[in-house]
C-alpha atoms as a PDB file:
ATOM      1  CA  MET A   1     122.096  86.553  98.836  1.00  0.00           C
ATOM      2  CA  SER A   2     118.961  84.840  97.478  1.00  0.00           C
ATOM      3  CA  ASP A   3     115.985  85.365  95.161  1.00  0.00           C
ATOM      4  CA  PHE A   4     113.118  87.769  95.869  1.00  0.00           C
ATOM      5  CA  GLN A   5     109.833  86.419  97.238  1.00  0.00           C
ATOM      6  CA  ARG A   6     106.386  87.939  97.752  1.00  0.00           C
ATOM      7  CA  LEU A   7     105.634  89.054 101.321  1.00  0.00           C
ATOM      8  CA  GLU A   8     102.018  90.111 100.797  1.00  0.00           C
ATOM      9  CA  TRP A   9      99.437  90.422  98.031  1.00  0.00           C
ATOM     10  CA  PHE A  10      96.396  92.658  97.706  1.00  0.00           C
ATOM     11  CA  ASP A  11      93.815  92.681  94.930  1.00  0.00           C
ATOM     12  CA  PHE A  12      92.043  95.994  95.354  1.00  0.00           C
ATOM     13  CA  THR A  13      89.542  95.139  92.608  1.00  0.00           C
ATOM     14  CA  THR A  14      87.915  92.384  94.684  1.00  0.00           C
ATOM     15  CA  MET A  15      88.864  93.128  98.304  1.00  0.00           C
ATOM     16  CA  VAL A  16      85.980  93.630 100.689  1.00  0.00           C
ATOM     17  CA  ASP A  17      87.218  92.343 104.050  1.00  0.00           C
ATOM     18  CA  VAL A  18      90.966  92.440 104.624  1.00  0.00           C
ATOM     19  CA  LYS A  19      92.184  89.541 106.759  1.00  0.00           C
ATOM     20  CA  PRO A  20      95.623  89.013 108.300  1.00  0.00           C
ATOM     21  CA  GLN A  21      98.028  87.226 105.985  1.00  0.00           C
ATOM     22  CA  LYS A  22     100.394  84.517 107.263  1.00  0.00           C
ATOM     23  CA  GLN A  23     103.029  82.654 105.325  1.00  0.00           C
ATOM     24  CA  THR A  24     106.499  81.148 105.521  1.00  0.00           C
ATOM     25  CA  LEU A  25     109.142  82.223 103.033  1.00  0.00           C
ATOM     26  CA  SER A  26     112.152  79.961 102.518  1.00  0.00           C
ATOM     27  CA  PHE A  27     115.409  81.346 101.124  1.00  0.00           C
ATOM     28  CA  GLU A  28     118.352  79.163 100.116  1.00  0.00           C
ATOM     29  CA  MET A  29     121.528  81.203 100.430  1.00  0.00           C
ATOM     30  CA  GLU A  30     123.408  81.512  97.134  1.00  0.00           C
ATOM     31  CA  ARG A  31     126.631  82.695  98.807  1.00  0.00           C
ATOM     32  CA  ASP A  32     128.238  83.223 102.214  1.00  0.00           C
ATOM     33  CA  GLY A  33     127.575  86.544 103.907  1.00  0.00           C
ATOM     34  CA  ILE A  34     126.097  88.535 106.748  1.00  0.00           C
ATOM     35  CA  ILE A  35     122.363  89.299 106.669  1.00  0.00           C
ATOM     36  CA  THR A  36     121.650  92.663 108.300  1.00  0.00           C
ATOM     37  CA  GLY A  37     118.098  93.162 107.072  1.00  0.00           C
ATOM     38  CA  LEU A  38     115.391  92.607 104.493  1.00  0.00           C
ATOM     39  CA  VAL A  39     114.835  94.679 101.352  1.00  0.00           C
ATOM     40  CA  VAL A  40     111.167  95.246 100.560  1.00  0.00           C
ATOM     41  CA  TYR A  41     109.924  96.424  97.189  1.00  0.00           C
ATOM     42  CA  ILE A  42     106.493  97.296  95.854  1.00  0.00           C
ATOM     43  CA  ASN A  43     104.986  95.905  92.670  1.00  0.00           C
ATOM     44  CA  ILE A  44     101.640  97.264  91.463  1.00  0.00           C
ATOM     45  CA  GLU A  45      99.622  95.833  88.589  1.00  0.00           C
ATOM     46  CA  THR A  46      96.470  97.656  87.514  1.00  0.00           C
ATOM     47  CA  THR A  47      93.451  96.374  85.631  1.00  0.00           C
ATOM     48  CA  GLN A  48      94.474  98.686  82.788  1.00  0.00           C
ATOM     49  CA  GLY A  49      97.702  96.704  82.346  1.00  0.00           C
ATOM     50  CA  VAL A  50      99.964  99.303  83.938  1.00  0.00           C
ATOM     51  CA  ASN A  51     102.802  97.820  86.019  1.00  0.00           C
ATOM     52  CA  VAL A  52     104.867  99.868  88.473  1.00  0.00           C
ATOM     53  CA  SER A  53     107.658  98.373  90.575  1.00  0.00           C
ATOM     54  CA  SER A  54     110.178  99.881  92.971  1.00  0.00           C
ATOM     55  CA  HIS A  55     112.390  96.888  92.069  1.00  0.00           C
ATOM     56  CA  GLU A  56     113.050  98.716  88.795  1.00  0.00           C
ATOM     57  CA  PRO A  57     114.324 102.315  88.690  1.00  0.00           C
ATOM     58  CA  SER A  58     111.488 104.517  89.984  1.00  0.00           C
ATOM     59  CA  SER A  59     110.800 107.414  92.325  1.00  0.00           C
ATOM     60  CA  TRP A  60     109.774 104.993  95.115  1.00  0.00           C
ATOM     61  CA  ALA A  61     112.328 104.067  97.722  1.00  0.00           C
ATOM     62  CA  ASN A  62     112.808 100.430  98.728  1.00  0.00           C
ATOM     63  CA  PRO A  63     112.292 100.084 102.483  1.00  0.00           C
ATOM     64  CA  PHE A  64     115.061  98.261 104.340  1.00  0.00           C
ATOM     65  CA  ILE A  65     114.050  96.394 107.498  1.00  0.00           C
ATOM     66  CA  PHE A  66     117.015  96.005 109.850  1.00  0.00           C
ATOM     67  CA  LEU A  67     117.279  92.743 111.794  1.00  0.00           C
ATOM     68  CA  PRO A  68     117.667  93.053 115.583  1.00  0.00           C
ATOM     69  CA  GLU A  69     121.212  91.692 115.116  1.00  0.00           C
ATOM     70  CA  PRO A  70     123.308  90.575 112.113  1.00  0.00           C
ATOM     71  CA  LEU A  71     122.969  86.973 111.019  1.00  0.00           C
ATOM     72  CA  LYS A  72     125.812  84.956 109.479  1.00  0.00           C
ATOM     73  CA  ALA A  73     124.686  82.751 106.600  1.00  0.00           C
ATOM     74  CA  THR A  74     126.584  80.257 104.479  1.00  0.00           C
ATOM     75  CA  LYS A  75     125.999  79.104 100.912  1.00  0.00           C
ATOM     76  CA  GLY A  76     123.339  76.372 100.785  1.00  0.00           C
ATOM     77  CA  GLN A  77     121.961  77.242 104.215  1.00  0.00           C
ATOM     78  CA  VAL A  78     118.202  77.772 104.403  1.00  0.00           C
ATOM     79  CA  VAL A  79     116.778  80.881 106.052  1.00  0.00           C
ATOM     80  CA  GLU A  80     113.048  80.711 106.794  1.00  0.00           C
ATOM     81  CA  LEU A  81     110.916  83.754 107.542  1.00  0.00           C
ATOM     82  CA  ASP A  82     107.473  83.331 109.110  1.00  0.00           C
ATOM     83  CA  THR A  83     105.458  86.462 108.383  1.00  0.00           C
ATOM     84  CA  GLU A  84     102.169  87.846 109.604  1.00  0.00           C
ATOM     85  CA  VAL A  85     100.670  91.028 108.205  1.00  0.00           C
ATOM     86  CA  ILE A  86      97.931  92.564 110.355  1.00  0.00           C
ATOM     87  CA  LEU A  87      96.162  95.409 108.615  1.00  0.00           C
ATOM     88  CA  GLY A  88      94.874  98.192 110.839  1.00  0.00           C
ATOM     89  CA  GLU A  89      92.918 101.323 110.126  1.00  0.00           C
ATOM     90  CA  LEU A  90      96.027 103.484 109.699  1.00  0.00           C
ATOM     91  CA  LEU A  91      99.184 101.362 109.701  1.00  0.00           C
ATOM     92  CA  PRO A  92      99.787  97.683 109.063  1.00  0.00           C
ATOM     93  CA  LYS A  93     101.737  95.655 111.615  1.00  0.00           C
ATOM     94  CA  TYR A  94     104.317  93.131 110.461  1.00  0.00           C
ATOM     95  CA  VAL A  95     105.400  90.274 112.738  1.00  0.00           C
ATOM     96  CA  PHE A  96     108.436  88.199 111.737  1.00  0.00           C
ATOM     97  CA  ARG A  97     110.157  85.058 113.015  1.00  0.00           C
ATOM     98  CA  LEU A  98     113.418  84.343 111.233  1.00  0.00           C
ATOM     99  CA  ARG A  99     115.272  81.065 111.652  1.00  0.00           C
ATOM    100  CA  THR A 100     118.225  79.387 110.027  1.00  0.00           C
ATOM    101  CA  THR A 101     118.858  75.690 109.598  1.00  0.00           C
ATOM    102  CA  ASN A 102     122.041  73.730 108.941  1.00  0.00           C
ATOM    103  CA  ALA A 103     122.576  71.144 106.190  1.00  0.00           C
ATOM    104  CA  ASN A 104     120.902  68.457 108.353  1.00  0.00           C
ATOM    105  CA  GLY A 105     117.772  70.582 108.830  1.00  0.00           C
ATOM    106  CA  GLY A 106     118.552  71.382 112.470  1.00  0.00           C
ATOM    107  CA  GLN A 107     117.785  74.879 113.689  1.00  0.00           C
ATOM    108  CA  VAL A 108     120.871  77.051 114.127  1.00  0.00           C
ATOM    109  CA  ARG A 109     119.411  80.374 115.157  1.00  0.00           C
ATOM    110  CA  SER A 110     116.067  82.108 115.598  1.00  0.00           C
ATOM    111  CA  MET A 111     114.922  85.701 116.174  1.00  0.00           C
ATOM    112  CA  ASN A 112     111.608  87.510 116.436  1.00  0.00           C
ATOM    113  CA  PHE A 113     110.906  91.121 115.480  1.00  0.00           C
ATOM    114  CA  SER A 114     108.010  93.302 114.354  1.00  0.00           C
ATOM    115  CA  LEU A 115     107.122  96.620 112.709  1.00  0.00           C
ATOM    116  CA  PRO A 116     106.041  99.156 113.857  1.00  0.00           C
END
């Protein structure tokens, strides 16, 4: 329903201390539809120039994050996703706040969810 955007970025060649990452992604809907979740894909670039992406055909599955409830969206509507990635010792935690706005910029709907 809209273009892909980057949720998180890691540079393992320079990382020493991993800090939480926060950002807001803004998606303008290209068509009417029902949003039931988010598709996540992995893109890896190595210093040797090797690129691997689960967005292209590969052996890696693309995780699908279900929303707590379906969300109706219309063409031209903006869906904003506040994200926070908190890296732990074993599993990262993802915190999301999704909101939609109408043509006048007024908030239509909002929902919070997290993984795991």
